Amino acid sequence: MSKRNKKTVGIIGAGRFGKTLAETLYAQNIDVIIIDKDENAIKTLSQYNIHAVQGDGTNQAALKEAGFESCDIAVVSISESLESSILATLNCKQLGIYKVISKAESELQETVLYRIGADEVVFPDKERAYRLGRDLSGIRGAIESLQIANGYSVTEIMVPRKLVGKTIIEANIRQTYNVNVIAIKRMLDRTNHNNELIIATGAEVLNEDDSLIVFGSDQLIAEMSDDA
């Protein structure tokens, strides 16, 4: 039996989008937690050994009980009710989940979700759910990745916890991980989704909410991101 990937993705809503995403992630050895009020939808997913919980995704206590606090990424796949998607998104942000991706039905809903803190908003589409599942199954801690050549990528990853408070020079990243830091992406304003891109000079102190744009082999980037 293969070892499950350390990354955990929480999904709120087991409709077509959420179900497709959960199955795709699980097939890529990603740990999945999915919650939905519909008992039948949960039973369907349980047969795949996916951690499926019957509960209210708009209730923070229910999310905690389901294990969402341990998630690296949360996907809010309920969008029929603006109030429900707002509550679920806010709950995920308040639980401290690093990246929250919310599904929207309209541009107005997309705008509102970004305003309340969603890191990414997607529109409902089964194929998009499949692609998202493939994307999230990559390097642990990876936010986005662009393959440059076979086995080599430019990847945005979370700053490894043990490097927070250090400069790039102090962290000795090039020698320790054998990857090149190209830039630092810094969160300026979570509410308005504003970021600053800082060209890496070596003297910049790394913050907890920063992410790094790095270049190197996929294997070495994966080893570095295991510390994230």
Protein backbone atom coordinates (compact mmCIF):
# COMPACT_ATOMS: atom_id res chain seq x y z
CA MET A 1 0.00 0.00 0.00
CA SER A 2 1.44 3.39 -0.96
CA LYS A 3 2.08 5.99 1.70
CA ARG A 4 -0.40 8.88 1.68
CA ASN A 5 0.92 12.34 0.84
CA LYS A 6 1.30 14.63 3.87
CA LYS A 7 -0.77 17.35 2.23
CA THR A 8 -4.40 17.47 3.39
CA VAL A 9 -7.18 19.16 1.41
CA GLY A 10 -10.55 19.88 3.00
CA ILE A 11 -13.62 20.14 0.78
CA ILE A 12 -16.94 21.67 1.82
CA GLY A 13 -19.75 20.31 -0.33
CA ALA A 14 -20.04 16.91 -2.00
CA GLY A 15 -21.91 17.92 -5.12
CA ARG A 16 -20.60 17.07 -8.59
CA PHE A 17 -17.69 19.51 -8.30
CA GLY A 18 -16.70 18.51 -4.76
CA LYS A 19 -17.10 14.79 -5.45
CA THR A 20 -14.99 14.93 -8.63
CA LEU A 21 -12.31 16.94 -6.84
CA ALA A 22 -12.22 14.55 -3.86
CA GLU A 23 -11.90 11.47 -6.08
CA THR A 24 -9.18 13.11 -8.21
CA LEU A 25 -7.15 14.16 -5.17
CA TYR A 26 -7.47 10.77 -3.51
CA ALA A 27 -6.33 9.06 -6.71
CA GLN A 28 -3.16 11.22 -6.50
CA ASN A 29 -2.45 10.11 -2.89
CA ILE A 30 -3.65 13.35 -1.30
CA ASP A 31 -5.40 13.10 2.07
CA VAL A 32 -8.94 14.43 1.71
CA ILE A 33 -11.53 15.53 4.24
CA ILE A 34 -14.96 16.30 2.77
CA ILE A 35 -18.07 17.49 4.60
CA ASP A 36 -21.66 17.73 3.38
CA LYS A 37 -25.14 17.73 4.93
CA ASP A 38 -26.33 15.09 2.44
CA GLU A 39 -25.99 11.63 4.00
CA ASN A 40 -26.24 9.85 0.63
CA ALA A 41 -23.44 11.93 -0.90
CA ILE A 42 -21.22 11.14 2.08
CA LYS A 43 -21.96 7.42 1.87
CA THR A 44 -20.98 7.39 -1.81
CA LEU A 45 -17.58 8.89 -1.03
CA SER A 46 -16.97 6.74 2.04
CA GLN A 47 -16.72 3.65 -0.16
CA TYR A 48 -13.48 5.07 -1.58
CA ASN A 49 -11.97 5.29 1.93
CA ILE A 50 -12.13 9.10 1.68
CA HIS A 51 -12.65 10.77 5.08
CA ALA A 52 -16.22 11.90 4.43
CA VAL A 53 -18.22 13.55 7.22
CA GLN A 54 -21.91 14.37 7.37
CA GLY A 55 -22.20 17.88 8.75
CA ASP A 56 -22.78 21.58 8.16
CA GLY A 57 -19.83 23.21 6.42
CA THR A 58 -21.07 26.67 7.42
CA ASN A 59 -20.62 25.74 11.09
CA GLN A 60 -17.09 26.28 12.40
CA ALA A 61 -17.50 23.74 15.20
CA ALA A 62 -18.52 21.09 12.64
CA LEU A 63 -15.44 21.89 10.55
CA LYS A 64 -13.18 21.59 13.60
CA GLU A 65 -14.73 18.27 14.54
CA ALA A 66 -14.23 17.02 10.98
CA GLY A 67 -10.52 17.91 11.16
CA PHE A 68 -10.35 20.99 8.95
CA GLU A 69 -7.84 22.68 11.25
CA SER A 70 -5.23 20.22 9.97
CA CYS A 71 -5.86 21.10 6.30
CA ASP A 72 -3.23 22.85 4.18
CA ILE A 73 -5.86 23.89 1.62
CA ALA A 74 -9.66 24.18 1.80
CA VAL A 75 -12.02 24.20 -1.16
CA VAL A 76 -15.50 25.65 -0.62
CA SER A 77 -17.53 23.90 -3.30
CA ILE A 78 -20.95 25.15 -2.22
CA SER A 79 -22.06 28.14 -4.26
CA GLU A 80 -25.83 27.94 -4.67
CA SER A 81 -26.28 30.17 -1.60
CA LEU A 82 -24.09 33.27 -1.32
CA GLU A 83 -24.59 33.33 2.45
CA SER A 84 -23.48 29.70 2.80
CA SER A 85 -20.36 30.15 0.66
CA ILE A 86 -19.44 33.31 2.58
CA LEU A 87 -19.85 31.60 5.95
CA ALA A 88 -17.89 28.53 4.87
CA THR A 89 -15.07 30.67 3.42
CA LEU A 90 -14.87 32.85 6.55
CA ASN A 91 -14.82 29.75 8.77
CA CYS A 92 -11.90 28.29 6.82
CA LYS A 93 -9.93 31.54 7.03
CA GLN A 94 -10.62 31.81 10.77
CA LEU A 95 -9.38 28.26 11.26
CA GLY A 96 -6.03 29.44 9.86
CA ILE A 97 -6.06 27.31 6.69
CA TYR A 98 -3.20 28.54 4.49
CA LYS A 99 -5.09 28.66 1.19
CA VAL A 100 -8.86 28.82 0.71
CA ILE A 101 -10.33 28.26 -2.75
CA SER A 102 -14.04 29.07 -3.14
CA LYS A 103 -16.46 28.20 -5.92
CA ALA A 104 -18.69 30.97 -7.34
CA GLU A 105 -21.77 31.09 -9.54
CA SER A 106 -21.42 34.72 -10.67
CA GLU A 107 -18.95 37.57 -10.96
CA LEU A 108 -20.69 39.33 -8.05
CA GLN A 109 -20.20 36.28 -5.87
CA GLU A 110 -16.58 36.07 -7.01
CA THR A 111 -16.00 39.70 -5.96
CA VAL A 112 -17.59 39.17 -2.54
CA LEU A 113 -15.59 36.00 -1.87
CA TYR A 114 -12.30 37.73 -2.69
CA ARG A 115 -13.28 40.65 -0.45
CA ILE A 116 -13.85 38.40 2.57
CA GLY A 117 -10.52 36.62 2.16
CA ALA A 118 -10.76 33.80 -0.40
CA ASP A 119 -7.32 33.24 -1.91
CA GLU A 120 -8.72 31.94 -5.20
CA VAL A 121 -12.21 31.77 -6.73
CA VAL A 122 -13.21 29.26 -9.41
CA PHE A 123 -16.40 28.71 -11.37
CA PRO A 124 -18.29 25.39 -11.34
CA ASP A 125 -17.15 23.04 -14.07
CA LYS A 126 -16.45 19.32 -13.74
CA GLU A 127 -13.36 19.48 -15.92
CA ARG A 128 -12.03 22.40 -13.86
CA ALA A 129 -12.46 20.27 -10.72
CA TYR A 130 -10.41 17.52 -12.36
CA ARG A 131 -7.64 19.95 -13.32
CA LEU A 132 -7.65 21.51 -9.86
CA GLY A 133 -7.29 18.06 -8.33
CA ARG A 134 -4.30 17.35 -10.58
CA ASP A 135 -2.76 20.73 -9.69
CA LEU A 136 -3.18 20.28 -5.94
CA SER A 137 -1.64 16.80 -6.07
CA GLY A 138 1.79 18.21 -6.87
CA ILE A 139 4.49 19.27 -4.43
CA ARG A 140 3.38 19.60 -0.82
CA GLY A 141 3.25 23.29 0.07
CA ALA A 142 3.16 24.28 -3.60
CA ILE A 143 0.77 27.07 -4.51
CA GLU A 144 1.51 27.31 -8.23
CA SER A 145 4.03 25.60 -10.47
CA LEU A 146 5.26 26.11 -14.03
CA GLN A 147 7.22 23.27 -15.60
CA ILE A 148 10.26 24.60 -17.49
CA ALA A 149 11.71 21.27 -18.63
CA ASN A 150 11.25 17.63 -17.78
CA GLY A 151 11.73 17.42 -14.01
CA TYR A 152 12.45 21.16 -13.52
CA SER A 153 9.97 23.86 -12.51
CA VAL A 154 9.50 27.39 -11.27
CA THR A 155 7.29 26.86 -8.24
CA GLU A 156 5.67 29.04 -5.60
CA ILE A 157 5.86 27.35 -2.20
CA MET A 158 5.10 28.29 1.39
CA VAL A 159 8.11 29.44 3.41
CA PRO A 160 9.38 26.48 5.47
CA ARG A 161 8.50 27.12 9.12
CA LYS A 162 12.08 26.78 10.32
CA LEU A 163 13.16 29.63 8.00
CA VAL A 164 10.69 32.21 9.33
CA GLY A 165 12.54 35.18 10.84
CA LYS A 166 15.74 34.48 8.90
CA THR A 167 17.14 36.15 5.82
CA ILE A 168 17.75 34.05 2.70
CA ILE A 169 21.47 34.29 3.41
CA GLU A 170 21.03 33.18 7.04
CA ALA A 171 18.75 30.35 5.92
CA ASN A 172 21.48 29.19 3.52
CA ILE A 173 18.76 28.06 1.10
CA ARG A 174 20.94 27.51 -1.98
CA GLN A 175 23.39 25.29 -0.10
CA THR A 176 20.80 23.53 2.08
CA TYR A 177 18.16 22.74 -0.55
CA ASN A 178 20.05 23.21 -3.84
CA VAL A 179 17.29 25.38 -5.31
CA ASN A 180 17.40 29.01 -6.41
CA VAL A 181 15.11 31.60 -4.80
CA ILE A 182 13.93 34.00 -7.50
CA ALA A 183 11.53 36.17 -5.52
CA ILE A 184 9.46 36.49 -2.34
CA LYS A 185 5.69 36.96 -2.53
CA ARG A 186 4.51 38.93 0.50
CA MET A 187 0.92 39.33 1.70
CA LEU A 188 0.18 43.04 2.24
CA ASP A 189 -3.58 42.97 2.75
CA ARG A 190 -5.57 39.75 3.15
CA THR A 191 -8.91 41.56 2.92
CA ASN A 192 -8.22 43.09 -0.49
CA HIS A 193 -6.02 40.20 -1.70
CA ASN A 194 -2.98 42.46 -2.20
CA ASN A 195 0.51 41.00 -2.53
CA GLU A 196 3.99 42.42 -3.12
CA LEU A 197 6.62 40.66 -5.21
CA ILE A 198 10.13 41.20 -3.83
CA ILE A 199 13.19 40.28 -5.89
CA ALA A 200 15.37 38.09 -3.68
CA THR A 201 18.58 39.86 -2.62
CA GLY A 202 19.53 37.63 0.27
CA ALA A 203 19.00 40.28 2.96
CA GLU A 204 15.19 40.14 3.11
CA VAL A 205 13.79 38.64 6.33
CA LEU A 206 11.23 35.88 5.66
CA ASN A 207 7.79 36.27 7.24
CA GLU A 208 5.33 33.52 8.17
CA ASP A 209 2.82 34.52 5.47
CA ASP A 210 5.45 34.83 2.72
CA SER A 211 5.78 32.41 -0.16
CA LEU A 212 8.91 31.77 -2.20
CA ILE A 213 9.24 31.63 -5.98
CA VAL A 214 11.96 29.03 -6.51
CA PHE A 215 13.59 27.28 -9.46
CA GLY A 216 15.07 23.79 -9.37
CA SER A 217 14.40 20.11 -9.84
CA ASP A 218 10.94 18.91 -8.82
CA GLN A 219 12.50 16.38 -6.46
CA LEU A 220 14.59 18.98 -4.59
CA ILE A 221 11.69 21.46 -4.43
CA ALA A 222 9.53 18.68 -2.99
CA GLU A 223 12.18 17.99 -0.33
CA MET A 224 12.29 21.68 0.59
CA SER A 225 8.51 22.00 0.70
CA ASP A 226 8.29 19.04 3.11
CA ASP A 227 9.50 21.54 5.73
CA ALA A 228 6.65 23.96 4.92
